[in-house]
Amino acid sequence: VSAQLTSLEVGKVYRFVNARTAGRSLNGCGSGNVNTTTTDANDLKQQWYVTKDGDYYVLRNLYYAQYLKGAEGLYKAWTMTDDYSATQNKFELVTSNSTLNTLKIKGSDTYGHMHDSNNGGHSDGYSVVKWMNNDSGSYWTIHEVTYSNEELKTILDAHPTVAEVAAWATNFRSFFNDDACTTSSYATLELAKAAAEYS
């Protein structure tokens, strides 16, 4: 069992395995949803890339390129969003059961912790919910997933966020005003090319 962590490292990737439902990990499951599912250490949907916003952690799912978001209401489902602008997208790493960890939503009270409700209680029909840090469902072991810088860049580039796609589109349009190769910079380049070919 991994020891309790005192911090997460920015730029690293981690998996979160629940203590109560051993063998089940935090999982992005599409359409902005999260749950826990059978652990697969190689599944990008169970891997979370860490950045920070001020003093708080932000977790990006490697497969879906969306950001983990804690629930606003008690017993309500945690989700994923396309950006991390909300308070609920920002987390503290806290101690669980003296030896394990959990995530706590920025500025939340006793009930602001990440909790796996699978196999019981307080779920409101969901698997990962907002609940207290006094139950094994709120206890997690956190495992680093090791990638080289090149491997991680390849994964992140292959799974871009909505913001990254929008930035690429804006950059593209800065060269092609109507996306049809008609801006002066491109036209000038083509004229120079033509002149060289026929000189």
C-alpha atoms as a PDB file:
ATOM      1  CA  VAL A   1       0.000   0.000   0.000  1.00  0.00           C
ATOM      2  CA  SER A   2       1.368   3.430  -0.900  1.00  0.00           C
ATOM      3  CA  ALA A   3       2.201   5.670   2.022  1.00  0.00           C
ATOM      4  CA  GLN A   4       0.321   8.878   2.682  1.00  0.00           C
ATOM      5  CA  LEU A   5       1.486  11.755   0.443  1.00  0.00           C
ATOM      6  CA  THR A   6       2.123  15.259   1.726  1.00  0.00           C
ATOM      7  CA  SER A   7       1.847  16.836  -1.711  1.00  0.00           C
ATOM      8  CA  LEU A   8       1.271  16.172  -5.403  1.00  0.00           C
ATOM      9  CA  GLU A   9       3.901  17.242  -7.902  1.00  0.00           C
ATOM     10  CA  VAL A  10       2.858  19.602 -10.667  1.00  0.00           C
ATOM     11  CA  GLY A  11       3.397  18.064 -14.102  1.00  0.00           C
ATOM     12  CA  LYS A  12       3.101  14.495 -12.784  1.00  0.00           C
ATOM     13  CA  VAL A  13       0.361  11.921 -13.366  1.00  0.00           C
ATOM     14  CA  TYR A  14      -1.403   9.991 -10.586  1.00  0.00           C
ATOM     15  CA  ARG A  15      -3.974   7.252 -10.042  1.00  0.00           C
ATOM     16  CA  PHE A  16      -6.416   7.289  -7.090  1.00  0.00           C
ATOM     17  CA  VAL A  17      -7.322   3.831  -5.733  1.00  0.00           C
ATOM     18  CA  ASN A  18     -10.098   3.652  -3.164  1.00  0.00           C
ATOM     19  CA  ALA A  19      -9.428   1.963   0.172  1.00  0.00           C
ATOM     20  CA  ARG A  20     -12.929   0.614   0.797  1.00  0.00           C
ATOM     21  CA  THR A  21     -13.526  -0.743  -2.682  1.00  0.00           C
ATOM     22  CA  ALA A  22     -10.012  -2.121  -3.084  1.00  0.00           C
ATOM     23  CA  GLY A  23      -9.155  -2.689  -6.716  1.00  0.00           C
ATOM     24  CA  ARG A  24     -11.329   0.221  -7.900  1.00  0.00           C
ATOM     25  CA  SER A  25      -9.931   3.541  -9.087  1.00  0.00           C
ATOM     26  CA  LEU A  26     -11.159   7.050  -9.849  1.00  0.00           C
ATOM     27  CA  ASN A  27     -12.200   6.962 -13.484  1.00  0.00           C
ATOM     28  CA  GLY A  28     -13.333   9.427 -16.125  1.00  0.00           C
ATOM     29  CA  CYS A  29     -16.246   7.711 -17.835  1.00  0.00           C
ATOM     30  CA  GLY A  30     -17.364  10.122 -20.536  1.00  0.00           C
ATOM     31  CA  SER A  31     -19.992  12.856 -20.917  1.00  0.00           C
ATOM     32  CA  GLY A  32     -18.369  14.748 -18.063  1.00  0.00           C
ATOM     33  CA  ASN A  33     -18.923  11.963 -15.534  1.00  0.00           C
ATOM     34  CA  VAL A  34     -16.624  10.197 -13.099  1.00  0.00           C
ATOM     35  CA  ASN A  35     -16.974   6.957 -11.161  1.00  0.00           C
ATOM     36  CA  THR A  36     -14.790   4.219  -9.771  1.00  0.00           C
ATOM     37  CA  THR A  37     -14.075   1.142 -11.831  1.00  0.00           C
ATOM     38  CA  THR A  38     -11.789  -1.894 -11.761  1.00  0.00           C
ATOM     39  CA  THR A  39      -8.236  -0.657 -11.579  1.00  0.00           C
ATOM     40  CA  ASP A  40      -6.224  -0.747 -14.796  1.00  0.00           C
ATOM     41  CA  ALA A  41      -2.894   0.988 -14.234  1.00  0.00           C
ATOM     42  CA  ASN A  42      -2.473   1.546 -17.982  1.00  0.00           C
ATOM     43  CA  ASP A  43      -5.903   3.086 -18.641  1.00  0.00           C
ATOM     44  CA  LEU A  44      -5.628   6.811 -19.417  1.00  0.00           C
ATOM     45  CA  LYS A  45      -9.165   7.303 -18.127  1.00  0.00           C
ATOM     46  CA  GLN A  46      -7.854   6.444 -14.636  1.00  0.00           C
ATOM     47  CA  GLN A  47      -4.868   8.777 -14.860  1.00  0.00           C
ATOM     48  CA  TRP A  48      -4.901  12.400 -13.734  1.00  0.00           C
ATOM     49  CA  TYR A  49      -2.401  15.084 -14.724  1.00  0.00           C
ATOM     50  CA  VAL A  50      -1.692  17.624 -11.974  1.00  0.00           C
ATOM     51  CA  THR A  51      -1.398  21.394 -12.317  1.00  0.00           C
ATOM     52  CA  LYS A  52      -2.043  24.131  -9.766  1.00  0.00           C
ATOM     53  CA  ASP A  53      -4.184  27.240  -9.538  1.00  0.00           C
ATOM     54  CA  GLY A  54      -2.648  29.294  -6.772  1.00  0.00           C
ATOM     55  CA  ASP A  55      -2.327  27.019  -3.733  1.00  0.00           C
ATOM     56  CA  TYR A  56      -4.810  24.449  -5.035  1.00  0.00           C
ATOM     57  CA  TYR A  57      -4.457  21.383  -7.223  1.00  0.00           C
ATOM     58  CA  VAL A  58      -6.243  20.982 -10.559  1.00  0.00           C
ATOM     59  CA  LEU A  59      -6.603  17.475 -12.020  1.00  0.00           C
ATOM     60  CA  ARG A  60      -6.959  16.847 -15.767  1.00  0.00           C
ATOM     61  CA  ASN A  61      -8.093  13.446 -16.982  1.00  0.00           C
ATOM     62  CA  LEU A  62      -5.550  12.210 -19.502  1.00  0.00           C
ATOM     63  CA  TYR A  63      -8.056  10.514 -21.801  1.00  0.00           C
ATOM     64  CA  TYR A  64     -10.940  12.986 -21.829  1.00  0.00           C
ATOM     65  CA  ALA A  65      -8.812  16.140 -21.308  1.00  0.00           C
ATOM     66  CA  GLN A  66     -11.413  17.440 -18.857  1.00  0.00           C
ATOM     67  CA  TYR A  67     -10.929  18.662 -15.302  1.00  0.00           C
ATOM     68  CA  LEU A  68     -12.175  16.970 -12.151  1.00  0.00           C
ATOM     69  CA  LYS A  69     -14.911  18.958 -10.433  1.00  0.00           C
ATOM     70  CA  GLY A  70     -16.245  18.370  -6.934  1.00  0.00           C
ATOM     71  CA  ALA A  71     -19.963  18.496  -6.301  1.00  0.00           C
ATOM     72  CA  GLU A  72     -21.668  21.628  -5.004  1.00  0.00           C
ATOM     73  CA  GLY A  73     -24.291  19.697  -3.049  1.00  0.00           C
ATOM     74  CA  LEU A  74     -23.957  17.065  -0.335  1.00  0.00           C
ATOM     75  CA  TYR A  75     -24.192  13.462  -1.671  1.00  0.00           C
ATOM     76  CA  LYS A  76     -24.081  14.835  -5.235  1.00  0.00           C
ATOM     77  CA  ALA A  77     -21.888  13.497  -8.002  1.00  0.00           C
ATOM     78  CA  TRP A  78     -18.418  14.693  -8.839  1.00  0.00           C
ATOM     79  CA  THR A  79     -18.002  15.417 -12.539  1.00  0.00           C
ATOM     80  CA  MET A  80     -15.542  16.686 -15.161  1.00  0.00           C
ATOM     81  CA  THR A  81     -15.643  20.059 -16.920  1.00  0.00           C
ATOM     82  CA  ASP A  82     -13.966  21.621 -19.943  1.00  0.00           C
ATOM     83  CA  ASP A  83     -12.287  24.313 -17.857  1.00  0.00           C
ATOM     84  CA  TYR A  84     -11.208  24.703 -14.237  1.00  0.00           C
ATOM     85  CA  SER A  85     -12.666  28.128 -13.503  1.00  0.00           C
ATOM     86  CA  ALA A  86     -15.028  27.022 -10.721  1.00  0.00           C
ATOM     87  CA  THR A  87     -14.047  26.796  -7.074  1.00  0.00           C
ATOM     88  CA  GLN A  88     -15.091  23.127  -7.196  1.00  0.00           C
ATOM     89  CA  ASN A  89     -12.316  22.416  -9.738  1.00  0.00           C
ATOM     90  CA  LYS A  90      -9.666  23.249  -7.145  1.00  0.00           C
ATOM     91  CA  PHE A  91      -8.547  20.841  -4.412  1.00  0.00           C
ATOM     92  CA  GLU A  92      -6.461  20.401  -1.317  1.00  0.00           C
ATOM     93  CA  LEU A  93      -4.704  17.121  -0.530  1.00  0.00           C
ATOM     94  CA  VAL A  94      -5.606  16.063   3.008  1.00  0.00           C
ATOM     95  CA  THR A  95      -4.976  13.157   5.352  1.00  0.00           C
ATOM     96  CA  SER A  96      -7.453  10.299   5.625  1.00  0.00           C
ATOM     97  CA  ASN A  97      -7.371   7.701   8.383  1.00  0.00           C
ATOM     98  CA  SER A  98      -3.902   8.943   9.449  1.00  0.00           C
ATOM     99  CA  THR A  99      -2.104   7.064   6.658  1.00  0.00           C
ATOM    100  CA  LEU A 100      -4.058   7.644   3.423  1.00  0.00           C
ATOM    101  CA  ASN A 101      -5.257  10.680   1.445  1.00  0.00           C
ATOM    102  CA  THR A 102      -8.318  12.284  -0.044  1.00  0.00           C
ATOM    103  CA  LEU A 103      -9.115  15.405  -2.032  1.00  0.00           C
ATOM    104  CA  LYS A 104     -11.031  18.256  -0.446  1.00  0.00           C
ATOM    105  CA  ILE A 105     -12.781  20.967  -2.449  1.00  0.00           C
ATOM    106  CA  LYS A 106     -11.312  24.449  -2.015  1.00  0.00           C
ATOM    107  CA  GLY A 107     -12.943  26.297   0.858  1.00  0.00           C
ATOM    108  CA  SER A 108     -15.360  23.472   1.677  1.00  0.00           C
ATOM    109  CA  ASP A 109     -16.452  22.328   5.117  1.00  0.00           C
ATOM    110  CA  THR A 110     -16.290  18.881   6.710  1.00  0.00           C
ATOM    111  CA  TYR A 111     -18.406  17.455   3.883  1.00  0.00           C
ATOM    112  CA  GLY A 112     -16.192  18.554   0.999  1.00  0.00           C
ATOM    113  CA  HIS A 113     -14.223  15.342   0.417  1.00  0.00           C
ATOM    114  CA  MET A 114     -13.986  12.923  -2.527  1.00  0.00           C
ATOM    115  CA  HIS A 115     -15.905   9.806  -1.532  1.00  0.00           C
ATOM    116  CA  ASP A 116     -16.535   6.502  -3.331  1.00  0.00           C
ATOM    117  CA  SER A 117     -20.078   5.505  -2.454  1.00  0.00           C
ATOM    118  CA  ASN A 118     -19.962   2.234  -4.378  1.00  0.00           C
ATOM    119  CA  ASN A 119     -21.455  -0.594  -2.271  1.00  0.00           C
ATOM    120  CA  GLY A 120     -23.267   1.727   0.051  1.00  0.00           C
ATOM    121  CA  GLY A 121     -24.679   4.944   1.339  1.00  0.00           C
ATOM    122  CA  HIS A 122     -24.981   8.595   0.468  1.00  0.00           C
ATOM    123  CA  SER A 123     -24.737   8.094  -3.274  1.00  0.00           C
ATOM    124  CA  ASP A 124     -27.901   9.690  -4.666  1.00  0.00           C
ATOM    125  CA  GLY A 125     -27.371   7.212  -7.485  1.00  0.00           C
ATOM    126  CA  TYR A 126     -23.763   8.196  -8.131  1.00  0.00           C
ATOM    127  CA  SER A 127     -20.437   6.547  -7.443  1.00  0.00           C
ATOM    128  CA  VAL A 128     -18.119   9.425  -6.516  1.00  0.00           C
ATOM    129  CA  VAL A 129     -19.781  12.029  -4.319  1.00  0.00           C
ATOM    130  CA  LYS A 130     -19.168  14.833  -1.843  1.00  0.00           C
ATOM    131  CA  TRP A 131     -19.025  13.452   1.694  1.00  0.00           C
ATOM    132  CA  MET A 132     -17.197  13.459   5.027  1.00  0.00           C
ATOM    133  CA  ASN A 133     -13.614  12.399   5.645  1.00  0.00           C
ATOM    134  CA  ASN A 134     -14.646   9.834   8.272  1.00  0.00           C
ATOM    135  CA  ASP A 135     -15.344   6.739   6.202  1.00  0.00           C
ATOM    136  CA  SER A 136     -13.187   4.304   4.240  1.00  0.00           C
ATOM    137  CA  GLY A 137     -14.960   5.406   1.055  1.00  0.00           C
ATOM    138  CA  SER A 138     -13.133   8.715   1.492  1.00  0.00           C
ATOM    139  CA  TYR A 139      -9.737   7.043   1.878  1.00  0.00           C
ATOM    140  CA  TRP A 140      -7.502   6.732  -1.195  1.00  0.00           C
ATOM    141  CA  THR A 141      -4.044   5.480  -2.010  1.00  0.00           C
ATOM    142  CA  ILE A 142      -2.378   7.648  -4.626  1.00  0.00           C
ATOM    143  CA  HIS A 143       0.064   6.112  -7.094  1.00  0.00           C
ATOM    144  CA  GLU A 144       2.333   8.052  -9.430  1.00  0.00           C
ATOM    145  CA  VAL A 145       2.268   6.961 -13.077  1.00  0.00           C
ATOM    146  CA  THR A 146       5.718   7.352 -14.606  1.00  0.00           C
ATOM    147  CA  TYR A 147       6.091   8.850 -18.068  1.00  0.00           C
ATOM    148  CA  SER A 148       9.083  10.404 -19.772  1.00  0.00           C
ATOM    149  CA  ASN A 149       8.630  14.036 -20.812  1.00  0.00           C
ATOM    150  CA  GLU A 150       8.302  12.928 -24.423  1.00  0.00           C
ATOM    151  CA  GLU A 151       5.696  10.265 -23.626  1.00  0.00           C
ATOM    152  CA  LEU A 152       3.607  12.676 -21.584  1.00  0.00           C
ATOM    153  CA  LYS A 153       3.760  15.371 -24.258  1.00  0.00           C
ATOM    154  CA  THR A 154       2.587  12.852 -26.860  1.00  0.00           C
ATOM    155  CA  ILE A 155      -0.391  11.893 -24.684  1.00  0.00           C
ATOM    156  CA  LEU A 156      -1.357  15.493 -23.885  1.00  0.00           C
ATOM    157  CA  ASP A 157      -1.068  16.513 -27.538  1.00  0.00           C
ATOM    158  CA  ALA A 158      -3.241  13.564 -28.590  1.00  0.00           C
ATOM    159  CA  HIS A 159      -5.923  14.497 -26.031  1.00  0.00           C
ATOM    160  CA  PRO A 160      -6.189  18.315 -26.148  1.00  0.00           C
ATOM    161  CA  THR A 161      -8.477  20.356 -23.932  1.00  0.00           C
ATOM    162  CA  VAL A 162     -11.265  22.487 -25.374  1.00  0.00           C
ATOM    163  CA  ALA A 163      -9.167  25.578 -24.638  1.00  0.00           C
ATOM    164  CA  GLU A 164      -6.185  24.163 -26.505  1.00  0.00           C
ATOM    165  CA  VAL A 165      -8.301  23.328 -29.550  1.00  0.00           C
ATOM    166  CA  ALA A 166      -9.747  26.854 -29.518  1.00  0.00           C
ATOM    167  CA  ALA A 167      -6.247  28.351 -29.311  1.00  0.00           C
ATOM    168  CA  TRP A 168      -5.108  26.252 -32.276  1.00  0.00           C
ATOM    169  CA  ALA A 169      -8.139  27.393 -34.283  1.00  0.00           C
ATOM    170  CA  THR A 170      -7.427  31.038 -33.462  1.00  0.00           C
ATOM    171  CA  ASN A 171      -3.807  30.619 -34.466  1.00  0.00           C
ATOM    172  CA  PHE A 172      -4.856  28.966 -37.726  1.00  0.00           C
ATOM    173  CA  ARG A 173      -7.224  31.813 -38.556  1.00  0.00           C
ATOM    174  CA  SER A 174      -4.476  34.348 -37.952  1.00  0.00           C
ATOM    175  CA  PHE A 175      -2.867  32.973 -41.110  1.00  0.00           C
ATOM    176  CA  PHE A 176      -6.036  32.288 -43.097  1.00  0.00           C
ATOM    177  CA  ASN A 177      -8.716  34.889 -42.474  1.00  0.00           C
ATOM    178  CA  ASP A 178     -11.503  32.831 -44.000  1.00  0.00           C
ATOM    179  CA  ASP A 179      -9.753  29.447 -43.699  1.00  0.00           C
ATOM    180  CA  ALA A 180      -9.348  29.515 -47.503  1.00  0.00           C
ATOM    181  CA  CYS A 181      -5.711  30.581 -47.928  1.00  0.00           C
ATOM    182  CA  THR A 182      -6.506  34.169 -48.951  1.00  0.00           C
ATOM    183  CA  THR A 183      -4.582  36.373 -46.528  1.00  0.00           C
ATOM    184  CA  SER A 184      -1.886  38.646 -47.837  1.00  0.00           C
ATOM    185  CA  SER A 185       0.899  36.763 -46.052  1.00  0.00           C
ATOM    186  CA  TYR A 186      -0.003  33.522 -47.777  1.00  0.00           C
ATOM    187  CA  ALA A 187      -0.641  35.242 -51.111  1.00  0.00           C
ATOM    188  CA  THR A 188       2.747  36.947 -50.931  1.00  0.00           C
ATOM    189  CA  LEU A 189       4.408  33.622 -50.229  1.00  0.00           C
ATOM    190  CA  GLU A 190       2.700  32.025 -53.234  1.00  0.00           C
ATOM    191  CA  LEU A 191       3.715  34.903 -55.510  1.00  0.00           C
ATOM    192  CA  ALA A 192       7.313  34.582 -54.414  1.00  0.00           C
ATOM    193  CA  LYS A 193       7.189  30.847 -55.011  1.00  0.00           C
ATOM    194  CA  ALA A 194       5.705  31.337 -58.486  1.00  0.00           C
ATOM    195  CA  ALA A 195       8.309  33.942 -59.388  1.00  0.00           C
ATOM    196  CA  ALA A 196      11.095  31.587 -58.345  1.00  0.00           C
ATOM    197  CA  GLU A 197       9.674  28.754 -60.403  1.00  0.00           C
ATOM    198  CA  TYR A 198       9.384  30.798 -63.589  1.00  0.00           C
ATOM    199  CA  SER A 199      12.546  32.892 -63.320  1.00  0.00           C
END
